[in-house]
């Protein structure tokens, strides 16, 4: 499956992703990707991304732990998600997102 990612410099990258991986696992394989300091434990927020609004309804809803962490960010937007909490499924082929600034 393919994913379109806008990095912090505004450059768009078309990358391949594997079904079953978390979005975080895919993104941190690239030098422009996310830091993911906690390794996917939903405790640091360094995998914060902005999902293109057209894709929001194709993702599972954020649980209370994810939402609590997101609520701490000054850069929070309605389309903010933690990429560690998003397992990739075939329906996500073509997903579009932007990397959020680190705080």
PDB file of N, CA and C in Angstrom:
ATOM      1  N   UNK A   1       0.848  -1.165   0.000  1.00  0.00           N
ATOM      2  CA  UNK A   1       0.000   0.000   0.000  1.00  0.00           C
ATOM      3  C   UNK A   1       0.892   1.226   0.000  1.00  0.00           C
ATOM      4  N   UNK A   2       0.359   2.338  -0.478  1.00  0.00           N
ATOM      5  CA  UNK A   2       1.107   3.587  -0.555  1.00  0.00           C
ATOM      6  C   UNK A   2       0.478   4.642   0.341  1.00  0.00           C
ATOM      7  N   UNK A   3       1.340   5.498   0.883  1.00  0.00           N
ATOM      8  CA  UNK A   3       0.921   6.587   1.762  1.00  0.00           C
ATOM      9  C   UNK A   3       1.621   7.853   1.299  1.00  0.00           C
ATOM     10  N   UNK A   4       0.912   8.962   1.345  1.00  0.00           N
ATOM     11  CA  UNK A   4       1.469  10.265   0.987  1.00  0.00           C
ATOM     12  C   UNK A   4       1.719  11.050   2.271  1.00  0.00           C
ATOM     13  N   UNK A   5       2.970  11.493   2.460  1.00  0.00           N
ATOM     14  CA  UNK A   5       3.362  12.159   3.700  1.00  0.00           C
ATOM     15  C   UNK A   5       4.030  13.493   3.394  1.00  0.00           C
ATOM     16  N   UNK A   6       3.504  14.565   4.002  1.00  0.00           N
ATOM     17  CA  UNK A   6       4.150  15.870   3.901  1.00  0.00           C
ATOM     18  C   UNK A   6       5.036  16.039   5.130  1.00  0.00           C
ATOM     19  N   UNK A   7       6.344  16.255   4.892  1.00  0.00           N
ATOM     20  CA  UNK A   7       7.264  16.405   6.018  1.00  0.00           C
ATOM     21  C   UNK A   7       7.245  17.838   6.550  1.00  0.00           C
ATOM     22  N   UNK A   8       8.056  18.116   7.545  1.00  0.00           N
ATOM     23  CA  UNK A   8       8.066  19.430   8.185  1.00  0.00           C
ATOM     24  C   UNK A   8       8.571  20.537   7.267  1.00  0.00           C
ATOM     25  N   UNK A   9       9.287  20.172   6.197  1.00  0.00           N
ATOM     26  CA  UNK A   9       9.760  21.150   5.219  1.00  0.00           C
ATOM     27  C   UNK A   9       8.751  21.384   4.104  1.00  0.00           C
ATOM     28  N   UNK A  10       7.623  20.683   4.153  1.00  0.00           N
ATOM     29  CA  UNK A  10       6.594  20.841   3.138  1.00  0.00           C
ATOM     30  C   UNK A  10       6.762  19.938   1.934  1.00  0.00           C
ATOM     31  N   UNK A  11       7.797  19.099   1.941  1.00  0.00           N
ATOM     32  CA  UNK A  11       8.020  18.171   0.837  1.00  0.00           C
ATOM     33  C   UNK A  11       7.107  16.960   0.993  1.00  0.00           C
ATOM     34  N   UNK A  12       6.501  16.525  -0.104  1.00  0.00           N
ATOM     35  CA  UNK A  12       5.596  15.375  -0.082  1.00  0.00           C
ATOM     36  C   UNK A  12       6.355  14.132  -0.534  1.00  0.00           C
ATOM     37  N   UNK A  13       6.213  13.069   0.242  1.00  0.00           N
ATOM     38  CA  UNK A  13       6.861  11.789  -0.045  1.00  0.00           C
ATOM     39  C   UNK A  13       5.783  10.734  -0.252  1.00  0.00           C
ATOM     40  N   UNK A  14       5.932   9.952  -1.307  1.00  0.00           N
ATOM     41  CA  UNK A  14       5.063   8.795  -1.536  1.00  0.00           C
ATOM     42  C   UNK A  14       5.842   7.580  -1.054  1.00  0.00           C
ATOM     43  N   UNK A  15       5.344   6.918  -0.021  1.00  0.00           N
ATOM     44  CA  UNK A  15       6.079   5.803   0.561  1.00  0.00           C
ATOM     45  C   UNK A  15       5.227   4.542   0.579  1.00  0.00           C
ATOM     46  N   UNK A  16       5.923   3.413   0.654  1.00  0.00           N
ATOM     47  CA  UNK A  16       5.237   2.132   0.768  1.00  0.00           C
ATOM     48  C   UNK A  16       5.069   1.780   2.236  1.00  0.00           C
ATOM     49  N   UNK A  17       3.967   1.151   2.548  1.00  0.00           N
ATOM     50  CA  UNK A  17       3.689   0.708   3.914  1.00  0.00           C
ATOM     51  C   UNK A  17       3.177  -0.721   3.857  1.00  0.00           C
ATOM     52  N   UNK A  18       3.353  -1.418   4.972  1.00  0.00           N
ATOM     53  CA  UNK A  18       2.898  -2.805   5.033  1.00  0.00           C
ATOM     54  C   UNK A  18       1.671  -2.926   5.918  1.00  0.00           C
ATOM     55  N   UNK A  19       0.726  -3.688   5.439  1.00  0.00           N
ATOM     56  CA  UNK A  19      -0.471  -3.982   6.234  1.00  0.00           C
ATOM     57  C   UNK A  19      -0.056  -4.609   7.562  1.00  0.00           C
ATOM     58  N   UNK A  20      -0.705  -4.184   8.628  1.00  0.00           N
ATOM     59  CA  UNK A  20      -0.431  -4.729   9.949  1.00  0.00           C
ATOM     60  C   UNK A  20       0.560  -3.918  10.760  1.00  0.00           C
ATOM     61  N   UNK A  21       1.425  -3.151  10.095  1.00  0.00           N
ATOM     62  CA  UNK A  21       2.327  -2.257  10.813  1.00  0.00           C
ATOM     63  C   UNK A  21       1.541  -1.065  11.324  1.00  0.00           C
ATOM     64  N   UNK A  22       2.056  -0.433  12.360  1.00  0.00           N
ATOM     65  CA  UNK A  22       1.455   0.838  12.754  1.00  0.00           C
ATOM     66  C   UNK A  22       1.989   1.909  11.808  1.00  0.00           C
ATOM     67  N   UNK A  23       1.240   2.970  11.662  1.00  0.00           N
ATOM     68  CA  UNK A  23       1.695   4.090  10.851  1.00  0.00           C
ATOM     69  C   UNK A  23       3.029   4.604  11.381  1.00  0.00           C
ATOM     70  N   UNK A  24       3.212   4.632  12.695  1.00  0.00           N
ATOM     71  CA  UNK A  24       4.463   5.065  13.302  1.00  0.00           C
ATOM     72  C   UNK A  24       5.639   4.226  12.813  1.00  0.00           C
ATOM     73  N   UNK A  25       5.474   2.909  12.765  1.00  0.00           N
ATOM     74  CA  UNK A  25       6.553   2.026  12.320  1.00  0.00           C
ATOM     75  C   UNK A  25       6.972   2.357  10.896  1.00  0.00           C
ATOM     76  N   UNK A  26       6.012   2.676  10.062  1.00  0.00           N
ATOM     77  CA  UNK A  26       6.316   3.046   8.683  1.00  0.00           C
ATOM     78  C   UNK A  26       7.039   4.384   8.623  1.00  0.00           C
ATOM     79  N   UNK A  27       6.555   5.367   9.362  1.00  0.00           N
ATOM     80  CA  UNK A  27       7.120   6.716   9.291  1.00  0.00           C
ATOM     81  C   UNK A  27       8.522   6.810   9.868  1.00  0.00           C
ATOM     82  N   UNK A  28       8.813   6.097  10.931  1.00  0.00           N
ATOM     83  CA  UNK A  28      10.125   6.256  11.560  1.00  0.00           C
ATOM     84  C   UNK A  28      11.248   5.583  10.783  1.00  0.00           C
ATOM     85  N   UNK A  29      10.931   4.901   9.703  1.00  0.00           N
ATOM     86  CA  UNK A  29      11.952   4.313   8.842  1.00  0.00           C
ATOM     87  C   UNK A  29      12.617   5.355   7.941  1.00  0.00           C
ATOM     88  N   UNK A  30      12.108   6.576   7.965  1.00  0.00           N
ATOM     89  CA  UNK A  30      12.610   7.633   7.093  1.00  0.00           C
ATOM     90  C   UNK A  30      13.218   8.747   7.934  1.00  0.00           C
ATOM     91  N   UNK A  31      14.325   9.340   7.462  1.00  0.00           N
ATOM     92  CA  UNK A  31      15.013  10.374   8.246  1.00  0.00           C
ATOM     93  C   UNK A  31      14.139  11.595   8.486  1.00  0.00           C
ATOM     94  N   UNK A  32      13.154  11.839   7.655  1.00  0.00           N
ATOM     95  CA  UNK A  32      12.243  12.975   7.811  1.00  0.00           C
ATOM     96  C   UNK A  32      10.994  12.582   8.590  1.00  0.00           C
ATOM     97  N   UNK A  33      10.934  11.340   9.045  1.00  0.00           N
ATOM     98  CA  UNK A  33       9.738  10.812   9.709  1.00  0.00           C
ATOM     99  C   UNK A  33       9.586  11.267  11.144  1.00  0.00           C
ATOM    100  N   UNK A  34       8.909  10.477  11.940  1.00  0.00           N
ATOM    101  CA  UNK A  34       8.627  10.823  13.331  1.00  0.00           C
ATOM    102  C   UNK A  34       9.698  10.240  14.254  1.00  0.00           C
ATOM    103  N   UNK A  35       9.913  10.883  15.403  1.00  0.00           N
ATOM    104  CA  UNK A  35      10.916  10.409  16.363  1.00  0.00           C
ATOM    105  C   UNK A  35      10.458   9.135  17.071  1.00  0.00           C
ATOM    106  N   UNK A  36       9.209   9.086  17.479  1.00  0.00           N
ATOM    107  CA  UNK A  36       8.640   7.894  18.131  1.00  0.00           C
ATOM    108  C   UNK A  36       9.508   7.412  19.294  1.00  0.00           C
ATOM    109  N   UNK A  37       9.834   8.313  20.184  1.00  0.00           N
ATOM    110  CA  UNK A  37      10.761   8.035  21.280  1.00  0.00           C
ATOM    111  C   UNK A  37      10.304   6.879  22.165  1.00  0.00           C
ATOM    112  N   UNK A  38       9.018   6.782  22.452  1.00  0.00           N
ATOM    113  CA  UNK A  38       8.537   5.719  23.357  1.00  0.00           C
ATOM    114  C   UNK A  38       8.331   4.386  22.634  1.00  0.00           C
ATOM    115  N   UNK A  39       8.520   4.364  21.324  1.00  0.00           N
ATOM    116  CA  UNK A  39       8.412   3.115  20.582  1.00  0.00           C
ATOM    117  C   UNK A  39       6.998   2.601  20.382  1.00  0.00           C
ATOM    118  N   UNK A  40       6.021   3.469  20.534  1.00  0.00           N
ATOM    119  CA  UNK A  40       4.646   3.066  20.267  1.00  0.00           C
ATOM    120  C   UNK A  40       3.802   2.807  21.499  1.00  0.00           C
ATOM    121  N   UNK A  41       4.238   3.285  22.653  1.00  0.00           N
ATOM    122  CA  UNK A  41       3.515   3.036  23.901  1.00  0.00           C
ATOM    123  C   UNK A  41       2.493   4.112  24.246  1.00  0.00           C
ATOM    124  N   UNK A  42       2.290   5.061  23.350  1.00  0.00           N
ATOM    125  CA  UNK A  42       1.312   6.132  23.560  1.00  0.00           C
ATOM    126  C   UNK A  42       1.638   6.932  24.825  1.00  0.00           C
ATOM    127  N   UNK A  43       2.942   7.245  24.991  1.00  0.00           N
ATOM    128  CA  UNK A  43       3.334   7.966  26.197  1.00  0.00           C
ATOM    129  C   UNK A  43       4.175   9.207  25.944  1.00  0.00           C
ATOM    130  N   UNK A  44       4.593   9.456  24.690  1.00  0.00           N
ATOM    131  CA  UNK A  44       5.479  10.603  24.455  1.00  0.00           C
ATOM    132  C   UNK A  44       4.910  11.632  23.483  1.00  0.00           C
ATOM    133  N   UNK A  45       4.152  11.206  22.512  1.00  0.00           N
ATOM    134  CA  UNK A  45       3.571  12.130  21.540  1.00  0.00           C
ATOM    135  C   UNK A  45       4.491  12.536  20.413  1.00  0.00           C
ATOM    136  N   UNK A  46       5.678  11.932  20.317  1.00  0.00           N
ATOM    137  CA  UNK A  46       6.615  12.324  19.259  1.00  0.00           C
ATOM    138  C   UNK A  46       6.309  11.662  17.917  1.00  0.00           C
ATOM    139  N   UNK A  47       5.150  11.054  17.810  1.00  0.00           N
ATOM    140  CA  UNK A  47       4.698  10.487  16.531  1.00  0.00           C
ATOM    141  C   UNK A  47       3.419  11.189  16.066  1.00  0.00           C
ATOM    142  N   UNK A  48       3.216  12.409  16.547  1.00  0.00           N
ATOM    143  CA  UNK A  48       2.023  13.212  16.242  1.00  0.00           C
ATOM    144  C   UNK A  48       1.978  13.540  14.749  1.00  0.00           C
ATOM    145  N   UNK A  49       0.831  13.292  14.130  1.00  0.00           N
ATOM    146  CA  UNK A  49       0.622  13.608  12.716  1.00  0.00           C
ATOM    147  C   UNK A  49      -0.745  14.259  12.535  1.00  0.00           C
ATOM    148  N   UNK A  50      -0.904  14.907  11.385  1.00  0.00           N
ATOM    149  CA  UNK A  50      -2.196  15.455  10.977  1.00  0.00           C
ATOM    150  C   UNK A  50      -2.699  14.617   9.810  1.00  0.00           C
ATOM    151  N   UNK A  51      -3.805  13.942  10.005  1.00  0.00           N
ATOM    152  CA  UNK A  51      -4.406  13.102   8.970  1.00  0.00           C
ATOM    153  C   UNK A  51      -5.241  13.983   8.048  1.00  0.00           C
ATOM    154  N   UNK A  52      -5.092  13.793   6.738  1.00  0.00           N
ATOM    155  CA  UNK A  52      -5.934  14.515   5.789  1.00  0.00           C
ATOM    156  C   UNK A  52      -7.388  14.245   6.157  1.00  0.00           C
ATOM    157  N   UNK A  53      -8.170  15.296   6.227  1.00  0.00           N
ATOM    158  CA  UNK A  53      -9.548  15.172   6.725  1.00  0.00           C
ATOM    159  C   UNK A  53     -10.394  14.177   5.939  1.00  0.00           C
ATOM    160  N   UNK A  54     -10.091  13.966   4.669  1.00  0.00           N
ATOM    161  CA  UNK A  54     -10.844  13.003   3.867  1.00  0.00           C
ATOM    162  C   UNK A  54     -10.647  11.568   4.362  1.00  0.00           C
ATOM    163  N   UNK A  55      -9.617  11.337   5.165  1.00  0.00           N
ATOM    164  CA  UNK A  55      -9.296   9.996   5.649  1.00  0.00           C
ATOM    165  C   UNK A  55      -9.728   9.737   7.082  1.00  0.00           C
ATOM    166  N   UNK A  56     -10.147  10.742   7.794  1.00  0.00           N
ATOM    167  CA  UNK A  56     -10.439  10.578   9.222  1.00  0.00           C
ATOM    168  C   UNK A  56     -11.482   9.508   9.514  1.00  0.00           C
ATOM    169  N   UNK A  57     -12.500   9.403   8.686  1.00  0.00           N
ATOM    170  CA  UNK A  57     -13.560   8.424   8.957  1.00  0.00           C
ATOM    171  C   UNK A  57     -13.146   6.992   8.631  1.00  0.00           C
ATOM    172  N   UNK A  58     -11.955   6.807   8.039  1.00  0.00           N
ATOM    173  CA  UNK A  58     -11.465   5.464   7.726  1.00  0.00           C
ATOM    174  C   UNK A  58     -10.523   4.938   8.807  1.00  0.00           C
ATOM    175  N   UNK A  59     -10.330   5.729   9.858  1.00  0.00           N
ATOM    176  CA  UNK A  59      -9.457   5.338  10.958  1.00  0.00           C
ATOM    177  C   UNK A  59     -10.286   5.075  12.209  1.00  0.00           C
ATOM    178  N   UNK A  60      -9.787   4.187  13.058  1.00  0.00           N
ATOM    179  CA  UNK A  60     -10.458   3.972  14.340  1.00  0.00           C
ATOM    180  C   UNK A  60     -10.397   5.264  15.145  1.00  0.00           C
ATOM    181  N   UNK A  61     -11.361   5.466  16.010  1.00  0.00           N
ATOM    182  CA  UNK A  61     -11.395   6.653  16.863  1.00  0.00           C
ATOM    183  C   UNK A  61     -10.265   6.596  17.889  1.00  0.00           C
ATOM    184  N   UNK A  62      -9.762   7.765  18.266  1.00  0.00           N
ATOM    185  CA  UNK A  62      -8.744   7.838  19.318  1.00  0.00           C
ATOM    186  C   UNK A  62      -9.362   7.400  20.644  1.00  0.00           C
ATOM    187  N   UNK A  63      -8.632   6.568  21.388  1.00  0.00           N
ATOM    188  CA  UNK A  63      -9.128   6.190  22.713  1.00  0.00           C
ATOM    189  C   UNK A  63      -8.781   7.292  23.714  1.00  0.00           C
ATOM    190  N   UNK A  64      -9.192   7.136  24.949  1.00  0.00           N
ATOM    191  CA  UNK A  64      -9.014   8.202  25.945  1.00  0.00           C
ATOM    192  C   UNK A  64      -7.545   8.476  26.246  1.00  0.00           C
ATOM    193  N   UNK A  65      -6.685   7.448  26.246  1.00  0.00           N
ATOM    194  CA  UNK A  65      -5.257   7.664  26.494  1.00  0.00           C
ATOM    195  C   UNK A  65      -4.631   8.513  25.391  1.00  0.00           C
ATOM    196  N   UNK A  66      -4.947   8.173  24.143  1.00  0.00           N
ATOM    197  CA  UNK A  66      -4.419   8.948  23.020  1.00  0.00           C
ATOM    198  C   UNK A  66      -4.940  10.379  23.072  1.00  0.00           C
ATOM    199  N   UNK A  67      -6.225  10.544  23.303  1.00  0.00           N
ATOM    200  CA  UNK A  67      -6.807  11.885  23.320  1.00  0.00           C
ATOM    201  C   UNK A  67      -6.239  12.727  24.459  1.00  0.00           C
ATOM    202  N   UNK A  68      -6.020  12.118  25.620  1.00  0.00           N
ATOM    203  CA  UNK A  68      -5.430  12.847  26.749  1.00  0.00           C
ATOM    204  C   UNK A  68      -4.045  13.378  26.402  1.00  0.00           C
ATOM    205  N   UNK A  69      -3.239  12.565  25.720  1.00  0.00           N
ATOM    206  CA  UNK A  69      -1.896  12.997  25.328  1.00  0.00           C
ATOM    207  C   UNK A  69      -1.968  14.083  24.261  1.00  0.00           C
ATOM    208  N   UNK A  70      -2.830  13.904  23.276  1.00  0.00           N
ATOM    209  CA  UNK A  70      -2.986  14.917  22.225  1.00  0.00           C
ATOM    210  C   UNK A  70      -3.438  16.253  22.803  1.00  0.00           C
ATOM    211  N   UNK A  71      -4.288  16.222  23.805  1.00  0.00           N
ATOM    212  CA  UNK A  71      -4.811  17.452  24.405  1.00  0.00           C
ATOM    213  C   UNK A  71      -3.724  18.309  25.047  1.00  0.00           C
ATOM    214  N   UNK A  72      -2.552  17.737  25.288  1.00  0.00           N
ATOM    215  CA  UNK A  72      -1.439  18.482  25.883  1.00  0.00           C
ATOM    216  C   UNK A  72      -0.683  19.340  24.870  1.00  0.00           C
ATOM    217  N   UNK A  73      -0.926  19.139  23.577  1.00  0.00           N
ATOM    218  CA  UNK A  73      -0.147  19.823  22.540  1.00  0.00           C
ATOM    219  C   UNK A  73      -0.723  21.176  22.168  1.00  0.00           C
ATOM    220  N   UNK A  74       0.153  22.184  22.055  1.00  0.00           N
ATOM    221  CA  UNK A  74      -0.252  23.488  21.529  1.00  0.00           C
ATOM    222  C   UNK A  74      -0.624  23.375  20.054  1.00  0.00           C
ATOM    223  N   UNK A  75      -0.030  22.410  19.365  1.00  0.00           N
ATOM    224  CA  UNK A  75      -0.253  22.234  17.929  1.00  0.00           C
ATOM    225  C   UNK A  75      -1.438  21.317  17.615  1.00  0.00           C
ATOM    226  N   UNK A  76      -2.257  21.017  18.618  1.00  0.00           N
ATOM    227  CA  UNK A  76      -3.419  20.142  18.426  1.00  0.00           C
ATOM    228  C   UNK A  76      -4.361  20.713  17.371  1.00  0.00           C
ATOM    229  N   UNK A  77      -4.790  19.844  16.464  1.00  0.00           N
ATOM    230  CA  UNK A  77      -5.801  20.186  15.466  1.00  0.00           C
ATOM    231  C   UNK A  77      -6.883  19.109  15.509  1.00  0.00           C
ATOM    232  N   UNK A  78      -8.002  19.389  14.890  1.00  0.00           N
ATOM    233  CA  UNK A  78      -9.107  18.422  14.868  1.00  0.00           C
ATOM    234  C   UNK A  78      -8.695  17.104  14.212  1.00  0.00           C
ATOM    235  N   UNK A  79      -7.715  17.146  13.327  1.00  0.00           N
ATOM    236  CA  UNK A  79      -7.264  15.953  12.614  1.00  0.00           C
ATOM    237  C   UNK A  79      -5.963  15.382  13.180  1.00  0.00           C
ATOM    238  N   UNK A  80      -5.602  15.761  14.409  1.00  0.00           N
ATOM    239  CA  UNK A  80      -4.400  15.238  15.065  1.00  0.00           C
ATOM    240  C   UNK A  80      -4.597  13.789  15.490  1.00  0.00           C
ATOM    241  N   UNK A  81      -3.556  12.989  15.274  1.00  0.00           N
ATOM    242  CA  UNK A  81      -3.536  11.602  15.757  1.00  0.00           C
ATOM    243  C   UNK A  81      -2.108  11.239  16.128  1.00  0.00           C
ATOM    244  N   UNK A  82      -1.973  10.221  16.952  1.00  0.00           N
ATOM    245  CA  UNK A  82      -0.669   9.629  17.231  1.00  0.00           C
ATOM    246  C   UNK A  82      -0.514   8.443  16.292  1.00  0.00           C
ATOM    247  N   UNK A  83       0.525   8.479  15.476  1.00  0.00           N
ATOM    248  CA  UNK A  83       0.679   7.434  14.461  1.00  0.00           C
ATOM    249  C   UNK A  83       0.925   6.059  15.071  1.00  0.00           C
ATOM    250  N   UNK A  84       1.373   6.007  16.326  1.00  0.00           N
ATOM    251  CA  UNK A  84       1.578   4.702  16.976  1.00  0.00           C
ATOM    252  C   UNK A  84       0.262   3.994  17.266  1.00  0.00           C
ATOM    253  N   UNK A  85      -0.827   4.711  17.241  1.00  0.00           N
ATOM    254  CA  UNK A  85      -2.135   4.146  17.568  1.00  0.00           C
ATOM    255  C   UNK A  85      -2.951   3.796  16.326  1.00  0.00           C
ATOM    256  N   UNK A  86      -2.306   3.837  15.162  1.00  0.00           N
ATOM    257  CA  UNK A  86      -3.025   3.607  13.906  1.00  0.00           C
ATOM    258  C   UNK A  86      -2.456   2.410  13.152  1.00  0.00           C
ATOM    259  N   UNK A  87      -3.043   1.224  13.342  1.00  0.00           N
ATOM    260  CA  UNK A  87      -2.618   0.070  12.555  1.00  0.00           C
ATOM    261  C   UNK A  87      -3.066   0.248  11.106  1.00  0.00           C
ATOM    262  N   UNK A  88      -2.183  -0.111  10.189  1.00  0.00           N
ATOM    263  CA  UNK A  88      -2.490   0.063   8.770  1.00  0.00           C
ATOM    264  C   UNK A  88      -3.228  -1.152   8.221  1.00  0.00           C
ATOM    265  N   UNK A  89      -4.316  -0.877   7.534  1.00  0.00           N
ATOM    266  CA  UNK A  89      -5.169  -1.893   6.927  1.00  0.00           C
ATOM    267  C   UNK A  89      -5.272  -1.613   5.432  1.00  0.00           C
ATOM    268  N   UNK A  90      -5.698  -2.582   4.623  1.00  0.00           N
ATOM    269  CA  UNK A  90      -5.810  -2.352   3.181  1.00  0.00           C
ATOM    270  C   UNK A  90      -6.638  -1.117   2.819  1.00  0.00           C
ATOM    271  N   UNK A  91      -7.636  -0.783   3.608  1.00  0.00           N
ATOM    272  CA  UNK A  91      -8.484   0.376   3.332  1.00  0.00           C
ATOM    273  C   UNK A  91      -7.693   1.687   3.417  1.00  0.00           C
ATOM    274  N   UNK A  92      -6.496   1.653   4.003  1.00  0.00           N
ATOM    275  CA  UNK A  92      -5.684   2.858   4.161  1.00  0.00           C
ATOM    276  C   UNK A  92      -4.757   3.120   2.977  1.00  0.00           C
ATOM    277  N   UNK A  93      -4.836   2.305   1.932  1.00  0.00           N
ATOM    278  CA  UNK A  93      -4.022   2.549   0.740  1.00  0.00           C
ATOM    279  C   UNK A  93      -4.366   3.926   0.184  1.00  0.00           C
ATOM    280  N   UNK A  94      -3.354   4.773   0.035  1.00  0.00           N
ATOM    281  CA  UNK A  94      -3.567   6.131  -0.452  1.00  0.00           C
ATOM    282  C   UNK A  94      -3.679   7.164   0.656  1.00  0.00           C
ATOM    283  N   UNK A  95      -3.594   6.731   1.921  1.00  0.00           N
ATOM    284  CA  UNK A  95      -3.683   7.632   3.075  1.00  0.00           C
ATOM    285  C   UNK A  95      -2.771   8.839   2.886  1.00  0.00           C
ATOM    286  N   UNK A  96      -3.269  10.003   3.285  1.00  0.00           N
ATOM    287  CA  UNK A  96      -2.516  11.249   3.159  1.00  0.00           C
ATOM    288  C   UNK A  96      -2.441  11.922   4.525  1.00  0.00           C
ATOM    289  N   UNK A  97      -1.246  12.395   4.883  1.00  0.00           N
ATOM    290  CA  UNK A  97      -1.045  13.016   6.189  1.00  0.00           C
ATOM    291  C   UNK A  97       0.141  13.960   6.157  1.00  0.00           C
ATOM    292  N   UNK A  98       0.258  14.751   7.224  1.00  0.00           N
ATOM    293  CA  UNK A  98       1.397  15.647   7.421  1.00  0.00           C
ATOM    294  C   UNK A  98       1.993  15.358   8.788  1.00  0.00           C
ATOM    295  N   UNK A  99       3.304  15.482   8.880  1.00  0.00           N
ATOM    296  CA  UNK A  99       3.979  15.322  10.167  1.00  0.00           C
ATOM    297  C   UNK A  99       3.780  16.605  10.970  1.00  0.00           C
ATOM    298  N   UNK A 100       3.382  16.469  12.217  1.00  0.00           N
ATOM    299  CA  UNK A 100       3.181  17.629  13.091  1.00  0.00           C
ATOM    300  C   UNK A 100       4.528  18.082  13.660  1.00  0.00           C
ATOM    301  N   UNK A 101       4.645  19.367  13.972  1.00  0.00           N
ATOM    302  CA  UNK A 101       5.901  19.841  14.574  1.00  0.00           C
ATOM    303  C   UNK A 101       6.102  19.234  15.959  1.00  0.00           C
ATOM    304  N   UNK A 102       7.367  18.973  16.304  1.00  0.00           N
ATOM    305  CA  UNK A 102       7.661  18.439  17.636  1.00  0.00           C
ATOM    306  C   UNK A 102       7.528  19.537  18.669  1.00  0.00           C
ATOM    307  N   UNK A 103       7.058  19.158  19.841  1.00  0.00           N
ATOM    308  CA  UNK A 103       6.902  20.136  20.932  1.00  0.00           C
ATOM    309  C   UNK A 103       7.778  19.761  22.097  1.00  0.00           C
TER     310      UNK A 103
END
